[in-house]
């Protein structure tokens, strides 16, 4: 959420819930109210709340203990505990468990409103600071993209030109070439930079849940839909949504996305009302979408809508002149993170990497440098700090797609084996989505 104006009330007294819901709604807050701690905690897991008003005495859990649980699940939510006794002991314990304040039930409505407003203001300030810090940490402008070779320079220039517009952008390139980094840079240098940037990995969302996750649903839309839920498109309103691995989107969801691109509207699952939206769409894929169209897996109309302005991001082997610059950059990053003082990489280290194919591209290089920095005992990275497969996969001359597929297969299976066939850890190590890994393993005959 960009504005922290949502409140959850957890109180088993119906008249109290209704009263608080009414007065806070009149003050412009979005309010959800629940009678039990379990219901409230389940809602906190699904929704983002600025403020939680919690009764000390609940039928299934003590409000003080519930404060601790909510604080663990939602650190940014400000908590106000309500008690019929307003004892110092209750108040001190509530604050010790993470509450911002406590209040006696039945007090003046104006006092309750004031405390909730103060809590919401504090939550909103924390949210803004978090966003600003994230931008500082990530350095999401084009200056964060390392490289001076012609291929990457051409891609950056194209991205800079389209960033000033609201045009839909399609980023093309292999896994690990920096598509999300480009999407973030386009957003951060656009007129939408002060609005949300929402990144979505389509392959990580089961196809049957994609529509409800992207576009939201209303209460009662299906079993388990006990409240209205905003989708990711609505969360990105006035900003940018980045749809990574768009080739893995279900055809049903593709139809709904096409409508968004054509009309700037959508209908939530189970709803009859139309929701208006103002979102810039940047998508990315490492698949051949034209081939997907021929197979009936991707909609032709959607492809042309997404492909208004496409940018190809080069593979690392196509911009090998940037290798030393990238190595130096990653050494600096991991020196800071790992408290090391590596000054350079040896000629043998660099030469070995120049002969490597990098099926995982820049993302794989980053992982290689992190590992090397960890293993290094001196102030220079040496060939001894490189994994064995770097020397086993040296390639010279022209690179063909068939050999690259075999290299990718060997690399994935090696990482899979090294991590005791744990798919979740393997996907994280490779920097790919779990669904993508499952699909590749199935192609290799590994279940």
Protein backbone atom coordinates (compact mmCIF):
# COMPACT_ATOMS: atom_id res chain seq x y z
CA UNK A 1 0.00 0.00 0.00
CA UNK A 2 1.25 3.50 -0.74
CA UNK A 3 -0.96 5.23 1.85
CA UNK A 4 -1.17 3.50 5.20
CA UNK A 5 -4.86 4.15 5.98
CA UNK A 6 -6.07 0.63 6.80
CA UNK A 7 -7.14 -0.51 10.27
CA UNK A 8 -7.92 -3.93 11.71
CA UNK A 9 -10.11 -4.21 14.80
CA UNK A 10 -10.02 -7.42 16.87
CA UNK A 11 -12.68 -7.43 19.61
CA UNK A 12 -15.25 -10.05 20.55
CA UNK A 13 -17.87 -7.45 21.59
CA UNK A 14 -20.11 -6.87 18.58
CA UNK A 15 -21.26 -3.39 19.64
CA UNK A 16 -17.66 -2.23 20.18
CA UNK A 17 -16.56 -3.56 16.78
CA UNK A 18 -19.46 -1.86 15.02
CA UNK A 19 -18.94 1.45 16.83
CA UNK A 20 -15.20 1.60 16.15
CA UNK A 21 -15.69 0.51 12.54
CA UNK A 22 -18.25 3.24 11.97
CA UNK A 23 -16.32 6.14 13.51
CA UNK A 24 -13.03 5.18 11.86
CA UNK A 25 -14.69 4.66 8.47
CA UNK A 26 -16.12 8.17 8.74
CA UNK A 27 -12.55 9.39 9.24
CA UNK A 28 -11.53 7.87 5.92
CA UNK A 29 -9.95 4.62 7.15
CA UNK A 30 -10.44 1.25 5.48
CA UNK A 31 -11.59 -1.00 8.32
CA UNK A 32 -11.77 -4.77 8.77
CA UNK A 33 -13.14 -6.13 12.05
CA UNK A 34 -12.91 -9.61 13.59
CA UNK A 35 -14.24 -11.28 16.76
CA UNK A 36 -11.33 -13.66 17.43
CA UNK A 37 -7.56 -13.49 17.51
CA UNK A 38 -7.24 -16.33 15.00
CA UNK A 39 -9.42 -14.55 12.42
CA UNK A 40 -7.50 -11.32 12.92
CA UNK A 41 -4.11 -13.01 12.66
CA UNK A 42 -5.14 -14.76 9.44
CA UNK A 43 -6.15 -11.41 7.98
CA UNK A 44 -2.83 -9.81 8.99
CA UNK A 45 -1.06 -12.56 7.03
CA UNK A 46 -3.01 -11.64 3.89
CA UNK A 47 -3.42 -7.87 4.14
CA UNK A 48 -1.25 -4.86 4.96
CA UNK A 49 -2.59 -2.84 7.90
CA UNK A 50 -1.36 0.49 9.23
CA UNK A 51 -3.01 0.10 12.64
CA UNK A 52 -4.34 -2.78 14.73
CA UNK A 53 -6.82 -2.14 17.58
CA UNK A 54 -6.75 -5.21 19.84
CA UNK A 55 -8.86 -6.05 22.88
CA UNK A 56 -6.91 -7.51 25.80
CA UNK A 57 -9.53 -10.17 26.51
CA UNK A 58 -10.44 -12.34 23.52
CA UNK A 59 -12.18 -15.73 23.47
CA UNK A 60 -9.23 -17.64 22.01
CA UNK A 61 -6.05 -15.73 22.91
CA UNK A 62 -4.83 -13.03 25.25
CA UNK A 63 -4.54 -9.67 23.47
CA UNK A 64 -1.05 -9.10 24.85
CA UNK A 65 0.16 -12.36 23.30
CA UNK A 66 -1.66 -11.49 20.07
CA UNK A 67 0.28 -8.20 20.00
CA UNK A 68 3.53 -10.17 19.94
CA UNK A 69 2.28 -12.46 17.12
CA UNK A 70 1.10 -9.54 14.96
CA UNK A 71 4.37 -7.72 15.50
CA UNK A 72 6.24 -10.81 14.26
CA UNK A 73 4.06 -11.19 11.16
CA UNK A 74 3.67 -7.50 10.32
CA UNK A 75 6.49 -5.36 11.80
CA UNK A 76 5.20 -2.18 10.14
CA UNK A 77 1.73 -2.35 11.72
CA UNK A 78 1.27 0.00 14.70
CA UNK A 79 -0.69 -1.67 17.52
CA UNK A 80 -3.02 -0.09 20.08
CA UNK A 81 -4.28 -2.37 22.86
CA UNK A 82 -7.74 -1.77 24.35
CA UNK A 83 -8.55 -2.74 27.92
CA UNK A 84 -11.57 -2.30 30.13
CA UNK A 85 -9.30 -1.68 33.10
CA UNK A 86 -6.48 0.44 31.71
CA UNK A 87 -4.07 -0.87 34.31
CA UNK A 88 -0.47 0.23 34.16
CA UNK A 89 0.52 -3.44 34.17
CA UNK A 90 -1.50 -4.19 31.01
CA UNK A 91 -0.21 -1.09 29.27
CA UNK A 92 3.44 -1.68 30.08
CA UNK A 93 3.23 -5.33 29.05
CA UNK A 94 1.49 -4.41 25.79
CA UNK A 95 4.19 -1.90 24.92
CA UNK A 96 6.88 -4.41 25.89
CA UNK A 97 5.36 -6.88 23.42
CA UNK A 98 5.44 -4.31 20.62
CA UNK A 99 2.33 -2.10 21.01
CA UNK A 100 2.62 1.62 20.30
CA UNK A 101 0.01 2.59 22.92
CA UNK A 102 -2.93 1.38 25.00
CA UNK A 103 -6.32 2.90 25.69
CA UNK A 104 -9.25 2.29 28.02
CA UNK A 105 -12.37 0.98 26.30
CA UNK A 106 -15.30 3.35 26.44
CA UNK A 107 -13.18 6.51 26.41
CA UNK A 108 -14.07 9.56 24.34
CA UNK A 109 -14.37 8.85 20.62
CA UNK A 110 -12.15 11.83 19.79
CA UNK A 111 -9.32 10.32 21.84
CA UNK A 112 -9.59 7.01 20.01
CA UNK A 113 -9.60 8.77 16.64
CA UNK A 114 -6.57 10.85 17.63
CA UNK A 115 -4.57 7.81 18.74
CA UNK A 116 -5.43 5.88 15.57
CA UNK A 117 -4.47 8.87 13.40
CA UNK A 118 -1.16 9.20 15.24
CA UNK A 119 -0.49 5.49 14.78
CA UNK A 120 -1.41 5.65 11.07
CA UNK A 121 0.85 8.67 10.59
CA UNK A 122 3.72 6.82 12.22
CA UNK A 123 3.09 3.73 10.05
CA UNK A 124 2.95 5.90 6.92
CA UNK A 125 6.22 7.59 7.83
CA UNK A 126 7.90 4.23 8.40
CA UNK A 127 6.58 3.07 5.03
CA UNK A 128 7.98 6.14 3.23
CA UNK A 129 11.36 5.78 4.95
CA UNK A 130 11.45 2.13 3.98
CA UNK A 131 10.71 3.00 0.34
CA UNK A 132 13.37 5.71 0.27
CA UNK A 133 15.93 3.43 1.92
CA UNK A 134 15.12 0.70 -0.58
CA UNK A 135 15.78 3.10 -3.43
CA UNK A 136 19.06 4.22 -1.88
CA UNK A 137 20.15 0.64 -1.25
CA UNK A 138 19.26 -0.59 -4.70
CA UNK A 139 20.44 2.49 -6.63
CA UNK A 140 17.83 1.82 -9.26
CA UNK A 141 18.74 4.43 -11.86
CA UNK A 142 20.53 3.58 -15.12
CA UNK A 143 23.83 4.37 -13.40
CA UNK A 144 23.41 1.08 -11.55
CA UNK A 145 23.70 -0.87 -14.82
CA UNK A 146 27.36 -1.76 -15.30
CA UNK A 147 28.81 -1.93 -18.79
CA UNK A 148 30.26 0.14 -21.63
CA UNK A 149 30.17 -2.31 -24.54
CA UNK A 150 28.12 -1.41 -27.61
CA UNK A 151 25.38 -3.97 -27.03
CA UNK A 152 24.57 -2.93 -23.47
CA UNK A 153 25.03 0.78 -24.26
CA UNK A 154 22.50 0.51 -27.09
CA UNK A 155 20.01 -1.21 -24.77
CA UNK A 156 20.47 1.49 -22.10
CA UNK A 157 19.93 4.28 -24.64
CA UNK A 158 16.70 2.70 -25.85
CA UNK A 159 15.49 2.28 -22.27
CA UNK A 160 16.30 5.92 -21.41
CA UNK A 161 14.29 7.14 -24.39
CA UNK A 162 11.20 5.07 -23.60
CA UNK A 163 11.38 5.79 -19.84
CA UNK A 164 10.03 9.32 -20.33
CA UNK A 165 6.86 7.95 -21.92
CA UNK A 166 4.01 5.73 -20.71
CA UNK A 167 4.61 3.24 -23.52
CA UNK A 168 4.34 -0.48 -22.76
CA UNK A 169 7.80 -2.11 -22.86
CA UNK A 170 8.80 -5.72 -23.55
CA UNK A 171 12.27 -6.74 -22.32
CA UNK A 172 13.76 -9.72 -24.13
CA UNK A 173 16.79 -11.76 -23.20
CA UNK A 174 18.12 -14.86 -21.52
CA UNK A 175 17.78 -15.61 -17.82
CA UNK A 176 20.09 -13.47 -15.70
CA UNK A 177 20.63 -10.62 -18.18
CA UNK A 178 19.18 -7.98 -15.83
CA UNK A 179 15.62 -7.56 -17.06
CA UNK A 180 14.22 -6.58 -13.66
CA UNK A 181 17.09 -4.11 -13.13
CA UNK A 182 16.20 -2.47 -16.46
CA UNK A 183 12.51 -2.36 -15.53
CA UNK A 184 13.33 -0.69 -12.22
CA UNK A 185 15.59 1.83 -13.92
CA UNK A 186 12.88 2.69 -16.46
CA UNK A 187 10.41 3.26 -13.61
CA UNK A 188 12.83 5.30 -11.50
CA UNK A 189 13.58 7.69 -14.37
CA UNK A 190 9.93 8.07 -15.41
CA UNK A 191 7.27 10.51 -14.21
CA UNK A 192 5.86 7.63 -12.12
CA UNK A 193 9.00 7.29 -10.00
CA UNK A 194 7.26 8.45 -6.79
CA UNK A 195 4.51 5.84 -7.23
CA UNK A 196 4.68 2.07 -6.63
CA UNK A 197 6.86 -0.33 -8.59
CA UNK A 198 5.42 -3.83 -8.28
CA UNK A 199 7.48 -6.76 -9.63
CA UNK A 200 5.65 -10.02 -10.35
CA UNK A 201 7.23 -13.33 -11.35
CA UNK A 202 4.45 -14.94 -13.35
CA UNK A 203 6.10 -18.37 -13.24
CA UNK A 204 6.11 -18.32 -9.43
CA UNK A 205 2.30 -17.99 -9.20
CA UNK A 206 0.27 -21.14 -9.90
CA UNK A 207 -1.79 -20.56 -13.05
CA UNK A 208 -5.08 -21.11 -11.24
CA UNK A 209 -4.22 -18.27 -8.81
CA UNK A 210 -2.78 -15.76 -11.28
CA UNK A 211 -6.05 -13.94 -11.98
CA UNK A 212 -6.95 -13.44 -8.31
CA UNK A 213 -3.39 -12.42 -7.36
CA UNK A 214 -3.07 -9.90 -10.17
CA UNK A 215 -6.58 -8.46 -10.16
CA UNK A 216 -7.93 -9.23 -6.67
CA UNK A 217 -11.26 -10.66 -5.57
CA UNK A 218 -14.32 -9.80 -3.54
CA UNK A 219 -15.63 -11.46 -0.41
CA UNK A 220 -17.40 -14.73 -1.23
CA UNK A 221 -15.86 -15.08 -4.69
CA UNK A 222 -14.66 -18.56 -3.75
CA UNK A 223 -14.14 -20.74 -0.71
CA UNK A 224 -11.75 -18.96 1.63
CA UNK A 225 -12.45 -15.46 0.25
CA UNK A 226 -13.67 -14.08 3.59
CA UNK A 227 -12.72 -10.49 2.74
CA UNK A 228 -12.18 -8.31 -0.29
CA UNK A 229 -8.58 -8.39 -1.48
CA UNK A 230 -6.76 -5.92 -3.69
CA UNK A 231 -4.74 -7.40 -6.52
CA UNK A 232 -1.22 -6.44 -7.56
CA UNK A 233 -2.49 -4.25 -10.41
CA UNK A 234 -4.52 -2.17 -7.99
CA UNK A 235 -1.51 -1.95 -5.64
CA UNK A 236 0.50 -0.57 -8.57
CA UNK A 237 -2.08 2.12 -9.45
CA UNK A 238 -0.42 5.30 -10.80
CA UNK A 239 2.88 3.41 -10.88
CA UNK A 240 4.47 0.55 -12.80
CA UNK A 241 3.89 -3.19 -12.76
CA UNK A 242 6.68 -5.46 -14.01
CA UNK A 243 5.46 -8.83 -15.29
CA UNK A 244 8.51 -11.08 -15.43
CA UNK A 245 8.37 -14.40 -17.27
CA UNK A 246 5.18 -13.26 -19.04
CA UNK A 247 5.38 -16.37 -21.22
CA UNK A 248 4.25 -18.42 -18.20
CA UNK A 249 0.99 -16.50 -17.78
CA UNK A 250 -2.19 -18.56 -18.23
CA UNK A 251 -4.27 -17.86 -21.34
CA UNK A 252 -7.25 -16.88 -19.12
CA UNK A 253 -5.17 -14.24 -17.34
CA UNK A 254 -3.72 -13.11 -20.66
CA UNK A 255 -7.25 -12.22 -21.81
CA UNK A 256 -7.78 -10.08 -18.73
CA UNK A 257 -4.39 -8.39 -19.15
CA UNK A 258 -5.26 -7.57 -22.76
CA UNK A 259 -8.39 -5.78 -21.54
CA UNK A 260 -6.33 -3.76 -19.05
CA UNK A 261 -3.97 -2.66 -21.81
CA UNK A 262 -6.86 -1.72 -24.11
CA UNK A 263 -9.28 -0.07 -21.66
CA UNK A 264 -7.37 0.56 -18.39
CA UNK A 265 -10.10 -1.38 -16.59
CA UNK A 266 -10.62 -4.84 -15.09
CA UNK A 267 -13.13 -6.73 -12.98
CA UNK A 268 -12.10 -8.46 -9.77
CA UNK A 269 -12.82 -12.15 -9.38
CA UNK A 270 -16.43 -12.54 -8.22
CA UNK A 271 -17.23 -8.84 -8.75
CA UNK A 272 -19.63 -7.14 -11.16
CA UNK A 273 -18.15 -3.64 -10.83
CA UNK A 274 -15.46 -2.35 -13.17
CA UNK A 275 -12.26 -1.09 -11.57
CA UNK A 276 -10.40 1.71 -13.33
CA UNK A 277 -6.62 1.60 -13.24
CA UNK A 278 -3.68 3.73 -14.35
CA UNK A 279 -0.66 1.44 -14.56
CA UNK A 280 2.33 1.27 -16.84
CA UNK A 281 3.11 -2.32 -17.87
CA UNK A 282 6.66 -3.53 -18.41
CA UNK A 283 6.95 -7.22 -19.21
CA UNK A 284 9.86 -9.58 -19.78
CA UNK A 285 10.52 -13.04 -21.09
CA UNK A 286 13.33 -15.38 -22.06
CA UNK A 287 10.95 -17.35 -24.28
CA UNK A 288 10.23 -17.02 -27.98
CA UNK A 289 6.69 -15.62 -27.76
CA UNK A 290 6.06 -16.07 -31.49
CA UNK A 291 6.72 -19.78 -31.05
CA UNK A 292 4.38 -19.75 -28.04
CA UNK A 293 1.71 -18.14 -30.24
CA UNK A 294 2.06 -20.90 -32.85
CA UNK A 295 1.59 -23.50 -30.11
CA UNK A 296 -1.55 -21.75 -28.85
CA UNK A 297 0.08 -20.86 -25.53
CA UNK A 298 0.21 -17.10 -26.00
CA UNK A 299 -2.37 -14.71 -27.45
CA UNK A 300 -1.39 -12.99 -30.66
CA UNK A 301 -3.24 -9.73 -29.79
CA UNK A 302 -1.56 -9.55 -26.39
CA UNK A 303 1.88 -10.05 -27.92
CA UNK A 304 1.46 -7.03 -30.19
CA UNK A 305 0.15 -4.94 -27.28
CA UNK A 306 3.13 -5.85 -25.11
CA UNK A 307 5.61 -5.52 -27.94
CA UNK A 308 4.92 -1.84 -28.61
CA UNK A 309 8.53 -1.10 -27.68
CA UNK A 310 10.91 -4.03 -27.22
CA UNK A 311 14.46 -3.96 -25.89
CA UNK A 312 16.83 -6.91 -26.26
CA UNK A 313 19.23 -7.35 -23.36
CA UNK A 314 22.47 -9.01 -24.51
CA UNK A 315 23.81 -12.20 -23.00
CA UNK A 316 27.07 -11.83 -21.11
CA UNK A 317 28.97 -13.74 -23.79
CA UNK A 318 27.83 -11.03 -26.26
CA UNK A 319 29.35 -8.29 -24.10
CA UNK A 320 32.49 -10.01 -22.85
CA UNK A 321 34.32 -6.64 -23.01
CA UNK A 322 32.34 -5.69 -19.88
CA UNK A 323 33.55 -8.72 -17.92
CA UNK A 324 36.43 -7.04 -16.07
CA UNK A 325 34.29 -4.03 -15.21
CA UNK A 326 31.55 -6.30 -13.84
CA UNK A 327 34.06 -8.34 -11.84
CA UNK A 328 35.47 -5.16 -10.28
CA UNK A 329 31.98 -3.92 -9.47
CA UNK A 330 30.92 -7.16 -7.80
CA UNK A 331 34.17 -7.34 -5.82
CA UNK A 332 33.35 -3.89 -4.41
CA UNK A 333 29.83 -4.98 -3.50
CA UNK A 334 30.92 -8.13 -1.68
CA UNK A 335 33.88 -6.47 0.01
CA UNK A 336 31.32 -4.30 1.79
CA UNK A 337 28.83 -7.08 2.50
CA UNK A 338 31.39 -9.65 3.66
CA UNK A 339 33.86 -7.27 5.34
CA UNK A 340 36.65 -8.24 2.96
CA UNK A 341 39.41 -6.22 1.31
CA UNK A 342 39.89 -7.84 -2.10
CA UNK A 343 41.79 -5.43 -4.36
CA UNK A 344 41.65 -7.23 -7.71
CA UNK A 345 41.34 -10.50 -9.63
CA UNK A 346 44.34 -12.31 -11.09
CA UNK A 347 44.92 -12.60 -14.83
CA UNK A 348 44.31 -16.38 -14.63
CA UNK A 349 41.00 -15.75 -12.83
CA UNK A 350 39.84 -13.32 -15.51
CA UNK A 351 41.09 -15.48 -18.39
CA UNK A 352 39.19 -18.52 -17.11
CA UNK A 353 35.98 -16.52 -16.89
CA UNK A 354 36.47 -15.08 -20.38
CA UNK A 355 36.43 -18.62 -21.78
CA UNK A 356 33.30 -19.60 -19.82
CA UNK A 357 29.87 -19.54 -21.52
CA UNK A 358 27.84 -18.10 -18.60
CA UNK A 359 24.48 -19.84 -19.14
CA UNK A 360 23.23 -17.84 -16.14
CA UNK A 361 24.66 -14.58 -17.51
CA UNK A 362 25.36 -11.61 -15.18
CA UNK A 363 23.39 -13.17 -12.33
CA UNK A 364 25.65 -16.23 -12.49
CA UNK A 365 28.79 -14.06 -12.60
CA UNK A 366 27.58 -12.25 -9.49
CA UNK A 367 27.18 -15.57 -7.66
CA UNK A 368 30.64 -16.71 -8.82
CA UNK A 369 32.27 -13.52 -7.50
CA UNK A 370 30.42 -13.76 -4.17
CA UNK A 371 31.69 -17.33 -3.75
CA UNK A 372 35.23 -16.35 -4.73
CA UNK A 373 35.30 -13.44 -2.28
CA UNK A 374 34.14 -15.75 0.52
CA UNK A 375 36.84 -18.33 -0.31
CA UNK A 376 39.69 -15.86 -0.84
CA UNK A 377 42.29 -15.64 1.92
CA UNK A 378 44.36 -12.86 0.35
CA UNK A 379 43.70 -9.53 -1.34
CA UNK A 380 43.42 -11.01 -4.85
CA UNK A 381 40.96 -13.46 -6.37
CA UNK A 382 42.75 -16.40 -7.98
CA UNK A 383 41.72 -19.32 -10.17
CA UNK A 384 41.70 -21.49 -7.03
CA UNK A 385 38.64 -19.52 -5.89
CA UNK A 386 36.64 -20.56 -8.96
CA UNK A 387 34.26 -23.54 -9.02
CA UNK A 388 35.48 -26.58 -10.98
CA UNK A 389 32.80 -26.33 -13.64
CA UNK A 390 34.29 -23.06 -14.90
CA UNK A 391 37.22 -25.03 -16.29
CA UNK A 392 35.02 -27.89 -17.50
CA UNK A 393 32.81 -25.62 -19.56
CA UNK A 394 35.35 -23.56 -21.48
CA UNK A 395 34.03 -22.75 -24.93
CA UNK A 396 35.85 -21.17 -27.83
CA UNK A 397 34.66 -20.12 -31.27
CA UNK A 398 31.02 -19.81 -32.29
CA UNK A 399 28.41 -20.80 -29.72
CA UNK A 400 25.40 -22.78 -30.94
CA UNK A 401 22.04 -23.00 -29.22
CA UNK A 402 22.21 -26.80 -28.91
CA UNK A 403 25.51 -26.71 -27.02
CA UNK A 404 24.25 -23.92 -24.79
CA UNK A 405 21.20 -25.96 -23.84
CA UNK A 406 23.47 -28.84 -22.89
CA UNK A 407 25.68 -26.52 -20.84
CA UNK A 408 22.64 -25.11 -19.08
CA UNK A 409 21.39 -28.62 -18.37
CA UNK A 410 24.74 -29.74 -16.91
CA UNK A 411 24.95 -26.60 -14.77
CA UNK A 412 21.41 -26.94 -13.40
CA UNK A 413 21.84 -30.64 -12.60
CA UNK A 414 25.17 -29.96 -10.87
CA UNK A 415 23.66 -27.26 -8.62
CA UNK A 416 20.66 -29.54 -8.01
CA UNK A 417 22.96 -32.38 -6.93
CA UNK A 418 25.15 -30.11 -4.77
CA UNK A 419 22.06 -28.99 -2.85
CA UNK A 420 20.83 -32.52 -2.11
CA UNK A 421 18.10 -32.30 -4.79
CA UNK A 422 16.33 -29.53 -2.88
CA UNK A 423 14.34 -27.69 -5.57
CA UNK A 424 13.71 -24.55 -3.51
CA UNK A 425 17.39 -23.99 -2.65
CA UNK A 426 18.47 -24.90 -6.20
CA UNK A 427 16.08 -22.33 -7.71
CA UNK A 428 17.43 -19.67 -5.33
CA UNK A 429 21.04 -20.53 -6.18
CA UNK A 430 20.34 -20.40 -9.91
CA UNK A 431 18.31 -17.22 -9.61
CA UNK A 432 15.27 -18.64 -11.42
CA UNK A 433 11.64 -19.25 -10.46
CA UNK A 434 10.66 -22.55 -8.85
CA UNK A 435 8.17 -23.27 -11.62
CA UNK A 436 10.89 -22.72 -14.23
CA UNK A 437 13.19 -25.16 -12.40
CA UNK A 438 10.43 -27.79 -12.11
CA UNK A 439 9.78 -27.51 -15.84
CA UNK A 440 13.45 -27.85 -16.77
CA UNK A 441 13.96 -30.84 -14.47
CA UNK A 442 10.94 -32.50 -16.07
CA UNK A 443 12.49 -31.88 -19.50
CA UNK A 444 15.66 -33.60 -18.25
CA UNK A 445 13.65 -36.59 -17.00
CA UNK A 446 14.26 -35.70 -13.34
CA UNK A 447 11.21 -35.71 -11.06
